[in-house]
Protein backbone atom coordinates (compact mmCIF):
# COMPACT_ATOMS: atom_id res chain seq x y z
CA MET A 1 -65.83 -14.93 -32.40
CA LYS A 2 -66.26 -17.50 -29.66
CA PRO A 3 -68.04 -16.18 -26.55
CA ILE A 4 -65.22 -17.15 -24.17
CA LEU A 5 -62.55 -15.48 -26.31
CA TYR A 6 -64.72 -12.39 -26.65
CA PHE A 7 -65.16 -12.23 -22.86
CA VAL A 8 -61.39 -12.53 -22.25
CA LEU A 9 -60.53 -9.82 -24.81
CA THR A 10 -63.17 -7.52 -23.36
CA ALA A 11 -61.85 -8.00 -19.82
CA ILE A 12 -58.29 -7.24 -20.95
CA PHE A 13 -59.45 -4.09 -22.74
CA ILE A 14 -61.38 -2.82 -19.71
CA PHE A 15 -58.44 -3.51 -17.36
CA THR A 16 -55.96 -1.76 -19.68
CA ALA A 17 -58.25 1.23 -20.12
CA SER A 18 -58.65 1.56 -16.35
CA LEU A 19 -54.87 1.78 -15.98
CA LEU A 20 -54.58 4.43 -18.67
CA VAL A 21 -57.22 6.69 -17.13
CA GLN A 22 -56.17 6.18 -13.52
CA PRO A 23 -56.15 9.60 -11.76
CA PHE A 24 -53.01 11.06 -10.26
CA ASN A 25 -54.40 10.98 -6.70
CA THR A 26 -53.80 14.70 -6.26
CA GLY A 27 -55.65 14.71 -2.94
CA ALA A 28 -54.22 11.47 -1.63
CA GLN A 29 -52.26 11.53 1.61
CA LEU A 30 -49.47 9.20 2.62
CA GLN A 31 -50.39 6.74 5.32
CA PRO A 32 -47.91 6.56 8.22
CA LEU A 33 -45.17 4.02 7.61
CA SER A 34 -43.38 1.89 10.20
CA GLN A 35 -40.92 -0.97 10.47
CA CYS A 36 -39.12 0.34 7.39
CA ARG A 37 -35.62 -0.79 6.47
CA ILE A 38 -32.94 1.01 4.50
CA SER A 39 -33.02 -0.43 1.00
CA SER A 40 -29.99 -2.22 -0.34
CA PRO A 41 -28.55 -1.17 -2.64
CA GLN A 42 -29.12 2.57 -2.47
CA PRO A 43 -29.06 4.68 -5.68
CA ILE A 44 -25.64 4.84 -7.31
CA ASP A 45 -25.99 8.58 -7.90
CA ALA A 46 -28.10 9.76 -4.97
CA VAL A 47 -26.92 13.40 -4.94
CA GLU A 48 -27.60 16.16 -7.46
CA MET A 49 -26.95 19.91 -7.40
CA ASN A 50 -27.32 22.84 -9.75
CA THR A 51 -27.02 26.60 -9.52
CA VAL A 52 -28.81 29.38 -11.39
CA VAL A 53 -27.98 33.09 -11.46
CA ILE A 54 -30.17 36.11 -12.25
CA GLY A 55 -28.27 39.40 -12.09
CA SER A 56 -26.44 39.37 -8.78
CA LYS A 57 -28.73 36.76 -7.20
CA VAL A 58 -27.62 33.14 -6.96
CA LYS A 59 -29.72 30.12 -6.08
CA THR A 60 -28.25 26.66 -5.44
CA ILE A 61 -30.44 23.56 -5.15
CA HIS A 62 -29.01 20.41 -3.58
CA VAL A 63 -31.01 17.16 -3.50
CA GLU A 64 -30.24 13.81 -1.93
CA LYS A 65 -32.52 10.81 -1.81
CA HIS A 66 -32.73 7.66 0.29
CA LEU A 67 -34.75 4.51 -0.45
CA PHE A 68 -36.60 2.39 2.11
CA ASP A 69 -38.53 -0.89 2.10
CA CYS A 70 -41.68 -0.71 4.23
CA PRO A 71 -44.12 -3.55 4.96
CA ALA A 72 -47.77 -2.98 4.03
CA ASN A 73 -50.95 -4.27 5.64
CA VAL A 74 -51.10 -6.99 2.98
CA ALA A 75 -48.93 -9.96 3.90
CA GLY A 76 -45.77 -10.14 1.81
CA LEU A 77 -46.31 -6.74 0.16
CA ILE A 78 -43.36 -4.33 0.45
CA LEU A 79 -43.86 -0.65 -0.27
CA LYS A 80 -41.00 1.35 -1.79
CA ALA A 81 -40.46 4.73 -0.08
CA ASP A 82 -38.29 7.37 -1.78
CA VAL A 83 -37.35 10.23 0.59
CA SER A 84 -35.71 13.20 -1.16
CA VAL A 85 -34.28 16.02 0.96
CA ILE A 86 -34.04 19.38 -0.82
CA ILE A 87 -31.69 22.15 0.37
CA GLU A 88 -32.02 25.56 -1.30
CA LYS A 89 -29.51 28.35 -0.75
CA PHE A 90 -30.35 31.92 -1.82
CA GLU A 91 -27.93 34.83 -1.80
CA ASP A 92 -27.50 38.28 -3.33
CA LEU A 93 -23.87 39.08 -4.12
CA SER A 94 -24.54 42.81 -4.53
CA GLY A 95 -24.66 43.42 -0.77
CA THR A 96 -23.76 41.99 2.63
CA VAL A 97 -27.01 40.16 3.43
CA PRO A 98 -26.16 36.62 4.63
CA PRO A 99 -27.33 33.64 2.57
CA LYS A 100 -30.78 32.21 3.25
CA PHE A 101 -31.41 28.47 3.45
CA THR A 102 -34.71 26.66 3.04
CA PHE A 103 -35.34 22.95 3.54
CA GLU A 104 -38.07 20.56 2.56
CA SER A 105 -38.58 16.93 1.69
CA ILE A 106 -40.69 15.07 -0.82
CA THR A 107 -41.58 11.48 0.03
CA CYS A 108 -43.04 9.20 -2.64
CA VAL A 109 -44.38 5.74 -1.80
CA THR A 110 -44.94 3.17 -4.52
CA ASN A 111 -47.13 0.11 -4.22
CA PRO A 112 -45.84 -2.49 -6.73
CA ASN A 113 -49.46 -3.46 -7.48
CA LEU A 114 -50.46 0.08 -8.49
CA VAL A 115 -49.43 2.26 -11.41
CA LEU A 116 -48.67 5.60 -9.77
CA PRO A 117 -46.89 6.58 -6.54
CA ILE A 118 -48.37 8.83 -3.85
CA CYS A 119 -46.15 11.79 -2.95
CA GLN A 120 -46.27 14.33 -0.14
CA GLN A 121 -44.19 17.38 0.74
CA PHE A 122 -42.86 17.92 4.25
CA PRO A 123 -41.58 21.30 5.53
CA ARG A 124 -38.63 21.91 7.81
CA VAL A 125 -39.02 20.87 11.46
CA SER A 126 -36.71 20.63 14.46
CA THR A 127 -33.76 18.28 14.22
CA PRO A 128 -32.53 16.09 17.06
CA ILE A 129 -29.00 14.74 16.78
CA ASN A 130 -28.70 11.03 17.57
CA GLN A 131 -25.60 9.24 18.83
CA PRO A 132 -23.68 7.08 18.19
CA CYS A 133 -23.30 7.13 14.41
CA VAL A 134 -21.57 4.96 11.84
CA ALA A 135 -20.41 6.30 8.48
CA SER A 136 -22.21 4.99 5.38
CA ASN A 137 -21.29 5.08 1.72
CA VAL A 138 -22.63 7.58 -0.81
CA GLY A 139 -22.36 6.91 -4.53
CA SER A 140 -21.69 10.51 -5.55
CA PRO A 141 -20.70 12.54 -2.47
CA ILE A 142 -19.27 15.64 -4.22
CA GLU A 143 -21.05 18.07 -6.55
CA MET A 144 -19.60 21.32 -7.92
CA ASN A 145 -20.49 24.12 -10.33
CA THR A 146 -19.50 27.70 -11.18
CA VAL A 147 -21.56 30.78 -12.12
CA THR A 148 -20.83 34.42 -12.98
CA THR A 149 -23.05 37.23 -11.69
CA SER A 150 -23.93 40.55 -13.33
CA ASN A 151 -21.49 42.40 -11.05
CA ASP A 152 -18.56 40.32 -12.35
CA ILE A 153 -18.25 37.98 -9.39
CA ILE A 154 -17.36 34.39 -10.19
CA LYS A 155 -18.69 31.95 -7.63
CA THR A 156 -17.68 28.30 -7.39
CA ILE A 157 -19.83 26.06 -5.19
CA LYS A 158 -18.75 22.66 -3.92
CA ALA A 159 -21.06 20.46 -1.87
CA GLU A 160 -19.68 17.36 -0.17
CA THR A 161 -22.11 14.99 1.55
CA GLN A 162 -21.33 12.49 4.29
CA VAL A 163 -23.99 9.99 5.37
CA PHE A 164 -24.17 8.46 8.85
CA THR A 165 -26.46 5.83 10.34
CA CYS A 166 -27.31 6.76 13.93
CA SER A 167 -29.03 4.80 16.68
CA GLY A 168 -31.01 6.09 19.63
CA PRO A 169 -32.07 4.59 22.98
CA ASP A 170 -34.53 2.30 21.20
CA PRO A 171 -32.81 -0.19 18.81
CA ALA A 172 -35.59 0.47 16.28
CA ASP A 173 -34.97 4.22 16.39
CA ILE A 174 -32.54 4.36 13.46
CA ARG A 175 -31.81 7.78 11.98
CA ILE A 176 -29.95 8.74 8.83
CA ARG A 177 -27.86 11.87 9.23
CA ASP A 178 -26.71 13.71 6.10
CA ILE A 179 -23.96 16.27 6.64
CA THR A 180 -23.56 18.46 3.55
CA THR A 181 -20.73 20.98 3.62
CA PHE A 182 -21.05 23.86 1.15
CA THR A 183 -17.73 25.45 0.20
CA ASP A 184 -17.92 28.78 -1.67
CA ILE A 185 -15.09 30.48 -3.54
CA PHE A 186 -15.64 34.07 -4.70
CA GLU A 187 -13.30 35.76 -7.17
CA ASN A 188 -13.36 38.59 -9.67
CA THR A 189 -12.88 38.31 -13.43
CA ALA A 190 -9.15 38.98 -13.01
CA GLY A 191 -8.82 35.77 -11.01
CA THR A 192 -8.31 37.43 -7.61
CA ILE A 193 -9.82 35.45 -4.73
CA LEU A 194 -12.22 37.66 -2.80
CA LYS A 195 -13.41 35.18 -0.16
CA LYS A 196 -13.53 31.48 0.69
CA SER A 197 -16.00 30.04 3.16
CA TYR A 198 -17.68 26.80 4.15
CA GLN A 199 -21.00 26.10 5.83
CA PRO A 200 -22.32 22.72 7.03
CA VAL A 201 -25.96 21.64 6.94
CA ILE A 202 -27.26 18.59 8.84
CA CYS A 203 -30.47 16.83 7.77
CA VAL A 204 -32.02 13.85 9.54
CA ILE A 205 -34.38 11.10 8.32
CA ASP A 206 -36.22 8.64 10.56
CA ALA A 207 -35.44 5.31 8.87
CA TRP A 208 -38.02 3.34 10.88
CA GLN A 209 -40.84 5.52 9.51
CA ALA A 210 -39.11 6.56 6.23
CA LYS A 211 -39.88 10.12 7.35
CA PHE A 212 -38.05 13.44 7.06
CA VAL A 213 -37.24 14.85 10.51
CA GLY A 214 -35.63 18.16 9.61
CA CYS A 215 -32.46 20.13 8.88
CA ARG A 216 -30.17 22.42 10.80
CA THR A 217 -27.67 24.90 9.42
CA PHE A 218 -24.57 26.39 11.05
CA ALA A 219 -22.87 29.74 10.69
CA PRO A 220 -20.38 30.03 7.78
CA ASN A 221 -16.67 29.80 8.49
CA ILE A 222 -14.09 31.84 6.57
CA LEU A 223 -11.18 29.90 5.09
């Protein structure tokens, strides 16, 4: 084999092997982002929800993601930031304890020149409400499912999401406001409606930094 060809094949093998054994960067932390823009287009199906039931306990998980383009330190390099906001609702239908909500966000940033993204989890923090806002489009704004508990209660959950783009005093201070309204219908196995209620949840993302700001829930309203 010619020396030059051997050198090229060896270099390709070493480069490929380095990609295959690249670690998952479990200890890596996201570097602060800035000057990000809302990606266009956004995901066609950006909202997902499912519900699980164990005995009389019901857990609903609602996820919505937003994509951002963020400039890197390297000229011309654009990082892709995926911010997913996770809303979890826990309730026990055997008693009168009110539902419990938890919120968190997972942000993953991908460098097109690297193989794996770096992801970080962010807990719930306080949520300012910015004005004014303009409605945006969501590809799949409504999710719904139905479960039956061990005490013969049938629960139907509908979640409808509205997305708004909000501006603050600084023109660069663009916030995305997600308003998700959970509508619950409770009935027994005979088809009798026991209760209907709805409960809104507001979550905010800082678009300039592609960063989760936080969520706020409101008291349920009886229909």
